[in-house]
Amino acid sequence: MQTTNELERSQIDASPAKKRKILFVDDDPNFLDGIRRMLRGQRDNWSMEFVNGVEEALQRCSETEFDTVVSDVNMPGKTGLDLLQALRGDERTRAIPIIILTGNAETDLKRQALDLGATDLLNKPVGHEDLVARLRSVLRLKAYQDELRDQNAYLEQRVKERTAELENARRDIIWRLAKAGEFRDEETGEHVIRVACCCRVLALALELPDEEIQNIFLTSPLHDVGKIGIPDRILLKPGILDESERLIMEEHCKIGASILMAQPKGIVAFLDSFDETSLEPAVEADRLRELATTIIMTHHEKWDGTGYPQGLKGDEIPIVGQICAVADVYDALRSKRPYKESYCVEETMEQMRADCGSHFSPRIFSAFESIADEFEKIRKQFTC
């Protein structure tokens, strides 16, 4: 039966498919020839290269992934310490085990080599058994490092895949919830999709940060989710709403916000019953929910302060609300509703220009006018 050390050695030395690569660096060709003869019995297990200087060694390390480097410390020009420092300073070669060859009396050089990150030191003249033992030791270390690196890479990939799965699931839930808000009104068609796409192109025109653009696109479909709570007699009324009906309709902003932000009774206590370490705060989800709530509560605010539900004015209105207001009104004017026929593009633009500075932010509206054709392309693409 193999001992633990023998089993580890067989794992390092075996498998022709994974020959370990070793680079030897010394300015003395005779020394390298001696090493070559000394290790000829390991040629089936190790792939060995021999170079005469630091520059050639660095060149080979840039071309090949070595498992170990063995270098003399004293060489003309650049020394083994220079090689050690260069390899440790490069991300690609930082983890390579490096054995530095020194003389018995070179105490200062040994200390410097260790300070610079040498894996091991070996005295000249080099004995066969000592050399083979040291090489097996550092190759075992490199094998463990490679295994750990590969395992970390695998775990990182699984995390990325799982994150993508969760992101797709979250987006799917958002879109389905948004569609629920317009499910009872067949006339609105793909309104939430069009508004989301229009918000995105308008945010692009305003040169907002990429993450903000993505988050606006993701959350703006929820702008009218509160209409779930509006009675059909008002939501589907084929005419102008009276004052009391209009006030009820305006409640859809607060209803939508309560859907997103309110927690069912008892849920906090239920969650608190779990081990705290098993429940990490869903910071990103909370942030998206807050952004969606902001859009819901502000996309009917007006630049002059006459909007609802809070009567915000000017830049008191968050930019996401200003953006969604333009996208929502454009699509509403271009769409047939129970109380009106659809406006043509010219009528829509004329009406919205008249409302610039009262309903819409002049800056946002100016950006909209520069890309209004994109809004119409989106409408044509997402019309049932």
Protein backbone atom coordinates (compact mmCIF):
# COMPACT_ATOMS: atom_id res chain seq x y z
CA MET A 1 0.00 0.00 0.00
CA GLN A 2 1.27 3.47 -0.86
CA THR A 3 2.07 5.88 1.94
CA THR A 4 0.59 9.39 1.84
CA ASN A 5 3.88 10.85 0.62
CA GLU A 6 4.23 8.19 -2.06
CA LEU A 7 0.67 8.83 -3.24
CA GLU A 8 1.29 12.58 -3.42
CA ARG A 9 4.53 11.93 -5.31
CA SER A 10 2.75 9.70 -7.81
CA GLN A 11 0.14 12.40 -8.37
CA ILE A 12 2.89 14.92 -9.12
CA ASP A 13 5.16 12.68 -11.19
CA ALA A 14 2.61 10.60 -13.10
CA SER A 15 0.28 11.35 -15.98
CA PRO A 16 2.16 12.13 -19.21
CA ALA A 17 -0.72 14.42 -20.11
CA LYS A 18 0.37 16.77 -17.34
CA LYS A 19 4.15 16.93 -17.38
CA ARG A 20 5.40 19.52 -14.94
CA LYS A 21 7.51 22.22 -16.58
CA ILE A 22 10.73 23.38 -14.93
CA LEU A 23 13.01 26.19 -16.09
CA PHE A 24 16.67 26.21 -15.02
CA VAL A 25 18.61 29.48 -15.26
CA ASP A 26 22.42 29.69 -14.93
CA ASP A 27 25.15 31.49 -16.86
CA ASP A 28 27.44 28.43 -16.61
CA PRO A 29 26.68 25.93 -19.45
CA ASN A 30 28.68 23.23 -17.68
CA PHE A 31 26.50 23.54 -14.57
CA LEU A 32 23.35 23.27 -16.68
CA ASP A 33 24.75 20.21 -18.46
CA GLY A 34 25.39 18.64 -15.06
CA ILE A 35 21.80 19.33 -13.99
CA ARG A 36 20.54 17.89 -17.28
CA ARG A 37 22.48 14.65 -16.70
CA MET A 38 21.51 14.55 -13.03
CA LEU A 39 17.78 14.68 -13.85
CA ARG A 40 17.70 12.54 -16.97
CA GLY A 41 15.77 9.89 -15.03
CA GLN A 42 12.91 12.39 -14.53
CA ARG A 43 12.37 13.19 -18.21
CA ASP A 44 9.21 11.08 -18.36
CA ASN A 45 7.70 13.15 -15.53
CA TRP A 46 9.18 16.60 -15.98
CA SER A 47 9.62 18.82 -19.02
CA MET A 48 12.86 20.73 -18.43
CA GLU A 49 14.34 23.77 -20.19
CA PHE A 50 17.76 25.35 -19.66
CA VAL A 51 18.69 28.99 -20.36
CA ASN A 52 21.85 31.05 -19.73
CA GLY A 53 20.49 34.40 -18.55
CA VAL A 54 17.70 36.43 -16.99
CA GLU A 55 16.45 38.06 -20.21
CA GLU A 56 16.04 34.69 -21.92
CA ALA A 57 14.34 33.32 -18.81
CA LEU A 58 11.84 36.17 -18.75
CA GLN A 59 11.15 35.67 -22.44
CA ARG A 60 10.46 31.97 -21.92
CA CYS A 61 8.23 32.70 -18.92
CA SER A 62 6.16 35.07 -21.06
CA GLU A 63 5.65 32.28 -23.58
CA THR A 64 5.23 29.21 -21.36
CA GLU A 65 3.54 28.57 -18.02
CA PHE A 66 6.26 26.96 -15.92
CA ASP A 67 5.54 25.10 -12.72
CA THR A 68 8.90 25.92 -11.14
CA VAL A 69 11.93 28.11 -11.86
CA VAL A 70 15.39 27.24 -10.52
CA SER A 71 17.89 30.09 -10.82
CA ASP A 72 21.45 30.81 -9.78
CA VAL A 73 21.74 34.03 -7.81
CA ASN A 74 25.11 35.26 -9.13
CA MET A 75 25.07 35.92 -12.88
CA PRO A 76 26.66 38.71 -14.95
CA GLY A 77 24.33 41.56 -15.79
CA LYS A 78 20.92 40.82 -14.30
CA THR A 79 21.09 38.47 -11.33
CA GLY A 80 18.82 35.81 -9.97
CA LEU A 81 17.40 38.45 -7.60
CA ASP A 82 16.45 40.58 -10.61
CA LEU A 83 14.70 37.57 -12.12
CA LEU A 84 12.93 36.83 -8.85
CA GLN A 85 11.73 40.42 -8.53
CA ALA A 86 10.51 40.53 -12.14
CA LEU A 87 8.57 37.26 -11.86
CA ARG A 88 6.97 38.26 -8.55
CA GLY A 89 5.99 41.62 -10.01
CA ASP A 90 4.08 40.13 -12.93
CA GLU A 91 0.53 38.89 -12.30
CA ARG A 92 1.01 36.03 -14.77
CA THR A 93 4.10 34.63 -13.03
CA ARG A 94 3.58 35.74 -9.44
CA ALA A 95 2.55 32.30 -8.20
CA ILE A 96 5.41 30.28 -9.77
CA PRO A 97 7.54 28.62 -7.08
CA ILE A 98 11.14 29.82 -7.43
CA ILE A 99 14.21 28.06 -6.03
CA ILE A 100 17.30 30.25 -5.74
CA LEU A 101 20.77 28.64 -5.86
CA THR A 102 23.33 30.27 -3.55
CA GLY A 103 26.66 29.54 -1.95
CA ASN A 104 27.01 28.57 1.69
CA ALA A 105 28.60 31.91 2.60
CA GLU A 106 26.09 34.14 0.80
CA THR A 107 23.97 34.93 3.86
CA ASP A 108 22.91 38.40 2.71
CA LEU A 109 21.85 37.11 -0.71
CA LYS A 110 19.80 34.37 0.94
CA ARG A 111 18.01 36.93 3.10
CA GLN A 112 17.33 39.17 0.10
CA ALA A 113 16.03 36.23 -1.91
CA LEU A 114 13.59 35.28 0.84
CA ASP A 115 12.50 38.91 1.26
CA LEU A 116 11.77 39.06 -2.49
CA GLY A 117 9.62 35.95 -2.32
CA ALA A 118 11.82 32.98 -3.05
CA THR A 119 10.02 29.72 -2.38
CA ASP A 120 13.14 27.80 -1.38
CA LEU A 121 16.95 28.11 -1.27
CA LEU A 122 19.44 25.50 -2.38
CA ASN A 123 23.20 25.58 -1.83
CA LYS A 124 25.77 24.94 -4.52
CA PRO A 125 27.19 22.45 -5.25
CA VAL A 126 23.83 20.71 -5.74
CA GLY A 127 23.37 17.06 -4.80
CA HIS A 128 21.04 14.79 -6.78
CA GLU A 129 18.83 13.65 -3.89
CA ASP A 130 18.54 17.14 -2.42
CA LEU A 131 17.64 18.66 -5.80
CA VAL A 132 15.00 16.05 -6.60
CA ALA A 133 13.47 16.32 -3.11
CA ARG A 134 13.27 20.14 -3.32
CA LEU A 135 11.77 20.02 -6.81
CA ARG A 136 9.14 17.50 -5.79
CA SER A 137 8.25 19.68 -2.81
CA VAL A 138 7.75 22.87 -4.82
CA LEU A 139 5.95 21.00 -7.64
CA ARG A 140 3.56 19.59 -5.06
CA LEU A 141 2.98 23.15 -3.85
CA LYS A 142 2.35 24.33 -7.41
CA ALA A 143 -0.09 21.46 -8.00
CA TYR A 144 -2.07 22.49 -4.92
CA GLN A 145 -2.03 26.11 -6.08
CA ASP A 146 -3.29 25.09 -9.52
CA GLU A 147 -6.04 22.97 -8.00
CA LEU A 148 -7.12 25.84 -5.76
CA ARG A 149 -7.03 28.27 -8.70
CA ASP A 150 -9.10 25.95 -10.87
CA GLN A 151 -11.59 25.38 -8.07
CA ASN A 152 -11.91 29.12 -7.47
CA ALA A 153 -12.40 29.70 -11.20
CA TYR A 154 -15.11 27.03 -11.25
CA LEU A 155 -16.85 28.56 -8.24
CA GLU A 156 -16.65 32.05 -9.75
CA GLN A 157 -18.19 30.74 -12.95
CA ARG A 158 -20.99 29.06 -10.99
CA VAL A 159 -21.61 32.29 -9.07
CA LYS A 160 -21.81 34.20 -12.36
CA GLU A 161 -24.21 31.65 -13.79
CA ARG A 162 -26.35 31.66 -10.66
CA THR A 163 -26.34 35.47 -10.56
CA ALA A 164 -27.48 35.54 -14.20
CA GLU A 165 -30.24 33.05 -13.38
CA LEU A 166 -31.42 35.18 -10.46
CA GLU A 167 -31.24 38.34 -12.57
CA ASN A 168 -33.32 36.73 -15.32
CA ALA A 169 -35.84 35.50 -12.75
CA ARG A 170 -36.07 38.97 -11.20
CA ARG A 171 -36.59 40.61 -14.57
CA ASP A 172 -39.24 38.06 -15.45
CA ILE A 173 -41.12 38.79 -12.22
CA ILE A 174 -40.91 42.55 -12.82
CA TRP A 175 -42.25 42.27 -16.37
CA ARG A 176 -45.06 39.94 -15.31
CA LEU A 177 -46.05 42.26 -12.46
CA ALA A 178 -45.94 45.23 -14.83
CA LYS A 179 -48.14 43.40 -17.36
CA ALA A 180 -50.63 42.63 -14.59
CA GLY A 181 -51.19 46.36 -14.23
CA GLU A 182 -52.46 46.65 -17.81
CA PHE A 183 -54.01 43.18 -18.12
CA ARG A 184 -57.54 44.48 -17.56
CA ASP A 185 -57.22 47.11 -20.30
CA GLU A 186 -56.78 45.54 -23.73
CA GLU A 187 -56.42 48.96 -25.35
CA THR A 188 -53.07 49.63 -23.68
CA GLY A 189 -51.45 46.71 -25.54
CA GLU A 190 -47.68 46.66 -24.98
CA HIS A 191 -47.64 50.01 -23.23
CA VAL A 192 -45.29 49.02 -20.39
CA ILE A 193 -42.75 47.56 -22.81
CA ARG A 194 -42.81 50.65 -25.00
CA VAL A 195 -42.47 52.98 -22.02
CA ALA A 196 -39.50 51.00 -20.69
CA CYS A 197 -37.74 51.08 -24.06
CA CYS A 198 -38.45 54.78 -24.52
CA CYS A 199 -37.13 55.52 -21.02
CA ARG A 200 -33.96 53.68 -21.92
CA VAL A 201 -33.27 55.59 -25.16
CA LEU A 202 -34.09 58.90 -23.47
CA ALA A 203 -31.72 58.08 -20.59
CA LEU A 204 -29.06 57.25 -23.19
CA ALA A 205 -29.63 60.60 -24.89
CA LEU A 206 -29.17 62.30 -21.51
CA GLU A 207 -25.85 60.40 -21.11
CA LEU A 208 -26.74 58.97 -17.72
CA PRO A 209 -24.41 56.35 -16.20
CA ASP A 210 -24.79 52.88 -17.72
CA GLU A 211 -26.00 51.30 -14.49
CA GLU A 212 -28.64 53.99 -14.03
CA ILE A 213 -29.84 53.51 -17.62
CA GLN A 214 -30.15 49.77 -17.06
CA ASN A 215 -32.02 50.23 -13.78
CA ILE A 216 -34.46 52.73 -15.30
CA PHE A 217 -35.18 50.27 -18.10
CA LEU A 218 -35.69 47.49 -15.57
CA THR A 219 -38.01 49.37 -13.20
CA SER A 220 -39.99 51.77 -15.41
CA PRO A 221 -42.42 49.05 -16.59
CA LEU A 222 -43.89 49.18 -13.08
CA HIS A 223 -44.94 52.82 -13.38
CA ASP A 224 -48.68 52.01 -13.61
CA VAL A 225 -48.80 48.81 -11.57
CA GLY A 226 -51.09 50.57 -9.07
CA LYS A 227 -53.90 50.53 -11.64
CA ILE A 228 -54.52 46.98 -10.41
CA GLY A 229 -56.40 48.65 -7.56
CA ILE A 230 -58.54 51.01 -9.69
CA PRO A 231 -62.18 49.89 -10.30
CA ASP A 232 -63.10 48.93 -13.88
CA ARG A 233 -65.88 51.55 -13.96
CA ILE A 234 -63.16 54.20 -13.73
CA LEU A 235 -60.23 52.51 -15.44
CA LEU A 236 -62.30 51.52 -18.49
CA LYS A 237 -64.73 54.42 -18.56
CA PRO A 238 -65.32 55.46 -22.21
CA GLY A 239 -65.27 59.15 -21.51
CA ILE A 240 -63.75 61.95 -19.45
CA LEU A 241 -63.53 61.25 -15.72
CA ASP A 242 -65.42 63.52 -13.36
CA GLU A 243 -63.68 65.11 -10.39
CA SER A 244 -64.32 62.30 -7.92
CA GLU A 245 -63.34 59.65 -10.47
CA ARG A 246 -60.18 61.53 -11.34
CA LEU A 247 -59.16 61.61 -7.68
CA ILE A 248 -59.67 57.86 -7.43
CA MET A 249 -57.62 57.32 -10.60
CA GLU A 250 -54.79 59.41 -9.18
CA GLU A 251 -54.61 57.02 -6.25
CA HIS A 252 -52.93 54.46 -8.54
CA CYS A 253 -49.56 56.05 -7.75
CA LYS A 254 -49.92 55.45 -4.02
CA ILE A 255 -51.40 52.00 -4.59
CA GLY A 256 -48.42 51.04 -6.76
CA ALA A 257 -45.96 52.33 -4.17
CA SER A 258 -47.69 50.37 -1.41
CA ILE A 259 -47.55 47.18 -3.50
CA LEU A 260 -43.77 47.46 -3.78
CA MET A 261 -42.81 48.85 -0.40
CA ALA A 262 -45.27 47.34 2.08
CA GLN A 263 -44.39 44.02 3.73
CA PRO A 264 -47.13 41.53 4.67
CA LYS A 265 -47.96 41.56 8.38
CA GLY A 266 -45.78 39.21 10.35
CA ILE A 267 -43.18 38.74 7.61
CA VAL A 268 -40.48 40.62 9.52
CA ALA A 269 -40.95 38.48 12.62
CA PHE A 270 -40.97 35.36 10.44
CA LEU A 271 -37.70 36.32 8.77
CA ASP A 272 -36.16 37.21 12.12
CA SER A 273 -36.78 33.63 13.22
CA PHE A 274 -34.08 32.47 10.81
CA ASP A 275 -30.39 32.38 11.60
CA GLU A 276 -29.14 35.86 10.65
CA THR A 277 -26.15 34.38 8.84
CA SER A 278 -28.47 32.58 6.43
CA LEU A 279 -30.19 35.77 5.25
CA GLU A 280 -27.90 38.29 3.57
CA PRO A 281 -29.44 41.74 2.97
CA ALA A 282 -30.82 42.02 -0.56
CA VAL A 283 -29.30 45.46 -1.09
CA GLU A 284 -29.61 45.45 -4.88
CA ALA A 285 -33.23 44.27 -4.77
CA ASP A 286 -34.09 46.98 -2.22
CA ARG A 287 -32.45 49.64 -4.37
CA LEU A 288 -34.40 48.58 -7.46
CA ARG A 289 -37.62 48.49 -5.48
CA GLU A 290 -36.96 52.01 -4.21
CA LEU A 291 -36.22 53.22 -7.75
CA ALA A 292 -39.41 51.63 -9.07
CA THR A 293 -41.36 53.27 -6.25
CA THR A 294 -39.82 56.64 -7.11
CA ILE A 295 -40.93 56.27 -10.74
CA ILE A 296 -44.42 55.20 -9.68
CA MET A 297 -44.77 58.18 -7.35
CA THR A 298 -43.31 60.86 -9.64
CA HIS A 299 -44.12 60.08 -13.29
CA HIS A 300 -47.35 62.12 -13.01
CA GLU A 301 -45.65 65.12 -11.39
CA LYS A 302 -45.38 68.23 -13.58
CA TRP A 303 -42.53 70.68 -14.00
CA ASP A 304 -44.72 73.62 -12.89
CA GLY A 305 -45.89 71.86 -9.72
CA THR A 306 -49.46 71.09 -10.82
CA GLY A 307 -49.02 67.34 -11.04
CA TYR A 308 -49.84 64.58 -8.54
CA PRO A 309 -49.66 62.96 -6.03
CA GLN A 310 -47.21 65.27 -4.21
CA GLY A 311 -47.26 68.47 -6.27
CA LEU A 312 -43.49 68.44 -6.77
CA LYS A 313 -42.00 71.23 -8.87
CA GLY A 314 -38.95 71.54 -11.11
CA ASP A 315 -35.95 69.51 -10.03
CA GLU A 316 -37.79 68.41 -6.91
CA ILE A 317 -39.01 65.74 -9.33
CA PRO A 318 -36.37 62.98 -9.57
CA ILE A 319 -34.89 62.65 -13.04
CA VAL A 320 -36.29 59.12 -13.39
CA GLY A 321 -39.78 60.55 -12.90
CA GLN A 322 -39.11 63.31 -15.44
CA ILE A 323 -37.92 60.74 -17.99
CA CYS A 324 -40.84 58.40 -17.45
CA ALA A 325 -43.31 61.29 -17.71
CA VAL A 326 -42.16 62.05 -21.27
CA ALA A 327 -42.18 58.39 -22.30
CA ASP A 328 -45.57 57.71 -20.72
CA VAL A 329 -47.30 60.78 -22.22
CA TYR A 330 -45.89 60.12 -25.70
CA ASP A 331 -47.19 56.56 -25.71
CA ALA A 332 -50.52 57.57 -24.16
CA LEU A 333 -51.12 60.23 -26.83
CA ARG A 334 -50.17 57.83 -29.61
CA SER A 335 -52.45 55.10 -28.24
CA LYS A 336 -56.19 54.55 -28.42
CA ARG A 337 -57.79 54.70 -25.00
CA PRO A 338 -61.40 54.16 -23.82
CA TYR A 339 -61.88 57.93 -23.69
CA LYS A 340 -60.05 58.97 -26.90
CA GLU A 341 -58.67 57.96 -30.28
CA SER A 342 -54.92 57.84 -30.91
CA TYR A 343 -53.06 61.00 -31.95
CA CYS A 344 -50.83 60.99 -35.00
CA VAL A 345 -47.12 61.77 -34.59
CA GLU A 346 -47.53 65.42 -35.60
CA GLU A 347 -50.42 65.99 -33.18
CA THR A 348 -48.51 64.25 -30.40
CA MET A 349 -45.40 66.36 -30.87
CA GLU A 350 -47.43 69.56 -31.13
CA GLN A 351 -49.26 68.78 -27.88
CA MET A 352 -46.06 67.89 -26.03
CA ARG A 353 -44.21 70.98 -27.26
CA ALA A 354 -47.04 73.07 -25.88
CA ASP A 355 -46.54 71.38 -22.50
CA CYS A 356 -42.76 71.88 -22.41
CA GLY A 357 -41.92 73.98 -19.34
CA SER A 358 -45.26 73.28 -17.72
CA HIS A 359 -45.61 69.51 -17.80
CA PHE A 360 -42.11 68.55 -18.93
CA SER A 361 -38.61 69.60 -17.93
CA PRO A 362 -37.17 71.72 -20.76
CA ARG A 363 -33.88 69.81 -20.58
CA ILE A 364 -35.54 66.41 -20.70
CA PHE A 365 -37.87 67.50 -23.47
CA SER A 366 -34.97 68.87 -25.54
CA ALA A 367 -33.24 65.49 -25.30
CA PHE A 368 -36.51 63.79 -26.25
CA GLU A 369 -36.95 65.93 -29.37
CA SER A 370 -33.47 64.94 -30.54
CA ILE A 371 -34.39 61.24 -30.50
CA ALA A 372 -38.18 61.35 -31.03
CA ASP A 373 -37.82 59.13 -34.10
CA GLU A 374 -36.52 56.39 -31.80
CA PHE A 375 -39.74 56.56 -29.78
CA GLU A 376 -41.76 55.97 -32.93
CA LYS A 377 -39.55 53.04 -33.98
CA ILE A 378 -40.13 51.46 -30.57
CA ARG A 379 -43.88 52.00 -30.93
CA LYS A 380 -43.94 50.23 -34.28
CA GLN A 381 -41.81 47.37 -32.97
CA PHE A 382 -44.00 46.74 -29.92
CA THR A 383 -47.55 47.25 -31.14
CA CYS A 384 -49.95 44.32 -31.15
